[in-house]
């Protein structure tokens, strides 16, 4: 998935990471006005326990909150294969090219089913 707000872009790569091709990652890119507006990668978000992460991505209107959907997630509870959404927040709102931190992980409730692909689509809105 791909999401863009202002000068920030999220680009999901569900089948790519340097060390394990099934984990996936989401890359944060920022266009720096002082560098002529050229985009540069500022962060690679790779949720622990996630598999094929980046299948879906979303960015809030103010580009300070990111949602990353993962096709599969093994969160240590024996319910792998159900999917998950990992929410990240920009650590320093005054530095849009700065670091991101995991805010929370969202999984389906009591009706989790292996293969359900929870988080296969994500979105964020204001309000």
Foldseek 3Di string as FASTA:
>chain_A
DWEDADFKIKAWDLQDDPPHRFQTWIWIWGQDVVVVRDIDTQDIGGDPQATSKRLEKEAENLRFKIKIKGQWGCPPPPQTQQIKIWMKGFPDSVDSSHDIDTDDIGGDPPPGDHNNRPRSYDYDYDD
